[in-house]
């Protein structure tokens, strides 16, 4: 009997020891995994910080370099504003050298206007589409210019789509009525009188104090007879 008890006790002790070793293995495994993941997370945080610092430094340099191009733009020297003559950076040079910075983003907007003034509407569209902003004015303005470029190309449906995109972006009494009027005219050119009517009705219903109200009211009344 005592022998059986001794054997059972020995097996129990061995089993307990195996459990302890197994627990120690899992504890060690998960702690190692935790340290690896924590190290990876720290590396990502440090990497993002260094990238942001690098981008800030690049953007500061881009802001210094863009001033001559802006000066040429304001003087309506659009060819030189776009591309440098070797003594300063044009908007295209800023985009190539400082891509992904805020200043390069703004350079796309300027470049789009330069190409518009040179009647190179396809290039204007490409640059204006790359411009992104969250402000009250410039983003809607960029979409309106894209609409103008499509209008020049006689692509009126695309033009109307971008005018409406501008009108729906942070609607306001200062600019939205103009965007809606442009969309209405583009739709009328395509004989889509129902869509044009909706644009004029938005002006009439939402912007009764705007100078375009009376004109929009007349056009809405005219189109109601056609649809």
Protein backbone atom coordinates (compact mmCIF):
# COMPACT_ATOMS: atom_id res chain seq x y z
CA UNK A 1 0.00 0.00 0.00
CA UNK A 2 2.78 2.37 0.95
CA UNK A 3 4.54 1.53 -2.31
CA UNK A 4 1.43 2.47 -4.33
CA UNK A 5 1.12 5.74 -2.42
CA UNK A 6 4.76 6.52 -3.05
CA UNK A 7 4.35 5.86 -6.78
CA UNK A 8 1.20 7.99 -6.92
CA UNK A 9 2.94 10.75 -5.05
CA UNK A 10 5.91 10.57 -7.41
CA UNK A 11 3.66 10.76 -10.48
CA UNK A 12 1.73 13.67 -8.97
CA UNK A 13 4.92 15.57 -8.28
CA UNK A 14 6.16 14.91 -11.82
CA UNK A 15 2.84 16.07 -13.27
CA UNK A 16 2.93 19.23 -11.14
CA UNK A 17 6.47 19.94 -12.24
CA UNK A 18 5.47 19.53 -15.89
CA UNK A 19 2.57 21.96 -15.38
CA UNK A 20 4.90 24.49 -13.79
CA UNK A 21 7.37 24.17 -16.65
CA UNK A 22 4.56 24.51 -19.18
CA UNK A 23 3.23 27.62 -17.43
CA UNK A 24 6.71 29.11 -17.30
CA UNK A 25 7.10 28.42 -21.03
CA UNK A 26 3.83 30.19 -21.90
CA UNK A 27 4.61 33.09 -19.58
CA UNK A 28 8.02 33.49 -21.16
CA UNK A 29 6.55 33.17 -24.65
CA UNK A 30 3.90 35.84 -24.12
CA UNK A 31 6.31 38.20 -22.38
CA UNK A 32 8.74 37.88 -25.31
CA UNK A 33 5.86 38.51 -27.70
CA UNK A 34 4.78 41.52 -25.66
CA UNK A 35 8.29 42.99 -25.76
CA UNK A 36 8.52 42.43 -29.53
CA UNK A 37 5.16 44.11 -30.15
CA UNK A 38 5.98 46.95 -27.78
CA UNK A 39 9.28 47.46 -29.57
CA UNK A 40 7.54 47.48 -32.94
CA UNK A 41 4.98 50.00 -31.66
CA UNK A 42 7.73 52.24 -30.34
CA UNK A 43 9.56 52.01 -33.65
CA UNK A 44 6.40 53.08 -35.50
CA UNK A 45 5.86 56.05 -33.15
CA UNK A 46 9.47 57.16 -33.50
CA UNK A 47 9.32 56.67 -37.27
CA UNK A 48 6.16 58.80 -37.58
CA UNK A 49 7.70 61.50 -35.40
CA UNK A 50 10.89 61.60 -37.47
CA UNK A 51 8.91 61.60 -40.74
CA UNK A 52 6.71 64.47 -39.55
CA UNK A 53 9.78 66.42 -38.44
CA UNK A 54 11.41 65.78 -41.81
CA UNK A 55 8.25 66.87 -43.64
CA UNK A 56 8.05 70.02 -41.54
CA UNK A 57 11.62 70.90 -42.45
CA UNK A 58 10.97 70.19 -46.14
CA UNK A 59 7.80 72.29 -46.08
CA UNK A 60 9.65 75.19 -44.50
CA UNK A 61 12.22 75.00 -47.31
CA UNK A 62 9.45 74.76 -49.91
CA UNK A 63 7.77 77.87 -48.51
CA UNK A 64 10.99 79.82 -48.96
CA UNK A 65 11.47 78.52 -52.51
CA UNK A 66 7.94 79.17 -53.76
CA UNK A 67 7.93 82.98 -53.32
CA UNK A 68 9.57 83.85 -56.70
CA UNK A 69 7.01 81.67 -58.51
CA UNK A 70 4.15 83.39 -56.67
CA UNK A 71 5.64 86.76 -57.66
CA UNK A 72 5.68 85.69 -61.33
CA UNK A 73 2.11 84.42 -60.98
CA UNK A 74 0.91 87.73 -59.59
CA UNK A 75 2.67 89.49 -62.47
CA UNK A 76 0.76 87.15 -64.84
CA UNK A 77 3.99 85.66 -66.13
CA UNK A 78 2.53 82.17 -66.07
CA UNK A 79 5.19 80.36 -68.10
CA UNK A 80 7.96 81.43 -65.72
CA UNK A 81 5.73 80.80 -62.73
CA UNK A 82 5.37 77.19 -63.83
CA UNK A 83 8.99 76.35 -64.61
CA UNK A 84 12.16 77.99 -63.41
CA UNK A 85 14.76 79.56 -65.66
CA UNK A 86 17.52 78.19 -63.46
CA UNK A 87 17.62 81.06 -60.98
CA UNK A 88 14.53 80.12 -58.94
CA UNK A 89 12.00 77.32 -58.55
CA UNK A 90 8.71 77.34 -60.45
CA UNK A 91 5.55 75.64 -59.24
CA UNK A 92 6.39 72.46 -61.14
CA UNK A 93 9.86 72.43 -59.57
CA UNK A 94 8.31 72.80 -56.12
CA UNK A 95 6.01 69.85 -56.81
CA UNK A 96 8.88 67.67 -58.03
CA UNK A 97 11.28 68.58 -55.24
CA UNK A 98 8.91 68.85 -52.27
CA UNK A 99 6.16 66.35 -53.09
CA UNK A 100 3.76 65.43 -50.24
CA UNK A 101 4.32 68.76 -48.46
CA UNK A 102 1.61 71.37 -47.89
CA UNK A 103 3.46 73.83 -50.10
CA UNK A 104 3.69 71.34 -52.98
CA UNK A 105 -0.05 70.77 -52.59
CA UNK A 106 -0.62 74.52 -52.93
CA UNK A 107 1.71 74.57 -55.93
CA UNK A 108 -0.70 72.19 -57.68
CA UNK A 109 -3.44 74.80 -57.24
CA UNK A 110 -1.27 77.59 -58.65
CA UNK A 111 -0.07 75.37 -61.51
CA UNK A 112 -3.66 74.53 -62.41
CA UNK A 113 -4.54 78.21 -62.72
CA UNK A 114 -1.41 78.88 -64.79
CA UNK A 115 -2.36 76.14 -67.23
CA UNK A 116 -5.92 77.51 -67.36
CA UNK A 117 -4.57 80.90 -68.36
CA UNK A 118 -2.43 79.22 -71.02
CA UNK A 119 -5.53 77.37 -72.27
CA UNK A 120 -3.94 73.99 -71.54
CA UNK A 121 -7.09 72.65 -69.94
CA UNK A 122 -6.07 69.01 -69.61
CA UNK A 123 -2.96 69.88 -67.60
CA UNK A 124 -5.02 72.31 -65.55
CA UNK A 125 -7.48 69.56 -64.67
CA UNK A 126 -4.73 67.14 -63.67
CA UNK A 127 -3.09 69.59 -61.27
CA UNK A 128 -6.32 70.91 -59.79
CA UNK A 129 -7.51 67.37 -59.10
CA UNK A 130 -4.37 66.73 -57.06
CA UNK A 131 -4.97 69.78 -54.88
CA UNK A 132 -6.62 68.98 -51.53
CA UNK A 133 -7.74 71.45 -48.88
CA UNK A 134 -10.14 71.62 -45.94
CA UNK A 135 -10.57 75.37 -45.89
CA UNK A 136 -13.68 77.41 -46.60
CA UNK A 137 -12.73 78.67 -50.06
CA UNK A 138 -9.88 77.04 -51.97
CA UNK A 139 -11.18 73.48 -52.31
CA UNK A 140 -14.50 74.61 -53.77
CA UNK A 141 -12.62 77.09 -55.95
CA UNK A 142 -10.41 74.29 -57.31
CA UNK A 143 -13.44 72.17 -58.20
CA UNK A 144 -15.05 75.18 -59.91
CA UNK A 145 -11.92 75.72 -61.99
CA UNK A 146 -12.02 72.06 -63.00
CA UNK A 147 -15.60 72.66 -64.07
CA UNK A 148 -14.47 75.68 -66.08
CA UNK A 149 -11.78 73.59 -67.78
CA UNK A 150 -14.30 70.90 -68.71
CA UNK A 151 -16.61 73.64 -70.02
CA UNK A 152 -13.81 74.88 -72.28
CA UNK A 153 -13.46 71.30 -73.52
CA UNK A 154 -17.24 71.22 -74.08
CA UNK A 155 -17.56 68.35 -71.62
CA UNK A 156 -20.59 69.89 -69.96
CA UNK A 157 -21.73 66.91 -67.89
CA UNK A 158 -18.36 66.67 -66.18
CA UNK A 159 -18.36 70.43 -65.76
CA UNK A 160 -21.78 70.35 -64.09
CA UNK A 161 -20.65 67.54 -61.78
CA UNK A 162 -17.71 69.61 -60.50
CA UNK A 163 -19.80 72.77 -60.16
CA UNK A 164 -22.24 70.83 -57.99
CA UNK A 165 -19.37 69.34 -56.03
CA UNK A 166 -18.23 72.89 -55.26
CA UNK A 167 -21.77 73.98 -54.42
CA UNK A 168 -22.23 71.10 -51.97
CA UNK A 169 -18.91 71.76 -50.21
CA UNK A 170 -19.57 73.87 -47.13
CA UNK A 171 -22.50 75.77 -48.71
CA UNK A 172 -22.50 79.52 -48.09
CA UNK A 173 -24.24 82.65 -49.32
CA UNK A 174 -21.07 84.12 -50.83
CA UNK A 175 -20.08 81.54 -53.44
CA UNK A 176 -22.62 78.69 -53.58
CA UNK A 177 -25.20 80.57 -55.74
CA UNK A 178 -22.54 81.22 -58.39
CA UNK A 179 -21.53 77.54 -58.45
CA UNK A 180 -25.18 76.52 -58.80
CA UNK A 181 -25.70 78.96 -61.65
CA UNK A 182 -22.68 77.54 -63.48
CA UNK A 183 -24.05 74.01 -63.02
CA UNK A 184 -27.46 75.09 -64.32
CA UNK A 185 -25.93 76.63 -67.45
CA UNK A 186 -23.90 73.48 -68.10
CA UNK A 187 -27.00 71.30 -67.76
CA UNK A 188 -28.96 73.59 -70.07
CA UNK A 189 -26.27 73.26 -72.70
CA UNK A 190 -26.91 69.49 -72.58
CA UNK A 191 -30.68 70.14 -72.64
CA UNK A 192 -31.03 68.54 -69.23
CA UNK A 193 -33.65 71.05 -68.18
CA UNK A 194 -34.78 69.09 -65.13
CA UNK A 195 -31.29 69.18 -63.62
CA UNK A 196 -30.89 72.84 -64.52
CA UNK A 197 -34.23 73.62 -62.88
CA UNK A 198 -33.12 71.96 -59.65
CA UNK A 199 -30.03 74.17 -59.54
CA UNK A 200 -32.03 77.36 -60.03
CA UNK A 201 -34.58 76.23 -57.44
CA UNK A 202 -31.82 75.75 -54.89
CA UNK A 203 -30.79 79.37 -55.40
CA UNK A 204 -34.39 80.56 -55.13
CA UNK A 205 -35.14 78.50 -52.01
CA UNK A 206 -31.92 78.99 -50.08
CA UNK A 207 -30.39 82.28 -51.22
CA UNK A 208 -33.24 84.77 -51.59
CA UNK A 209 -30.99 87.69 -50.62
CA UNK A 210 -28.33 86.95 -53.21
CA UNK A 211 -27.99 89.14 -56.29
CA UNK A 212 -28.55 86.05 -58.45
CA UNK A 213 -31.96 85.39 -56.88
CA UNK A 214 -34.10 87.31 -59.38
CA UNK A 215 -32.26 85.86 -62.38
CA UNK A 216 -32.53 82.37 -60.94
CA UNK A 217 -36.25 82.89 -60.30
CA UNK A 218 -36.82 83.91 -63.95
CA UNK A 219 -34.88 80.92 -65.28
CA UNK A 220 -36.67 78.55 -62.91
CA UNK A 221 -40.05 79.83 -64.14
CA UNK A 222 -38.92 79.45 -67.75
CA UNK A 223 -37.69 75.89 -67.25
CA UNK A 224 -40.81 74.82 -65.36
CA UNK A 225 -42.69 75.32 -68.61
CA UNK A 226 -40.28 73.00 -70.43
CA UNK A 227 -40.18 70.04 -68.06
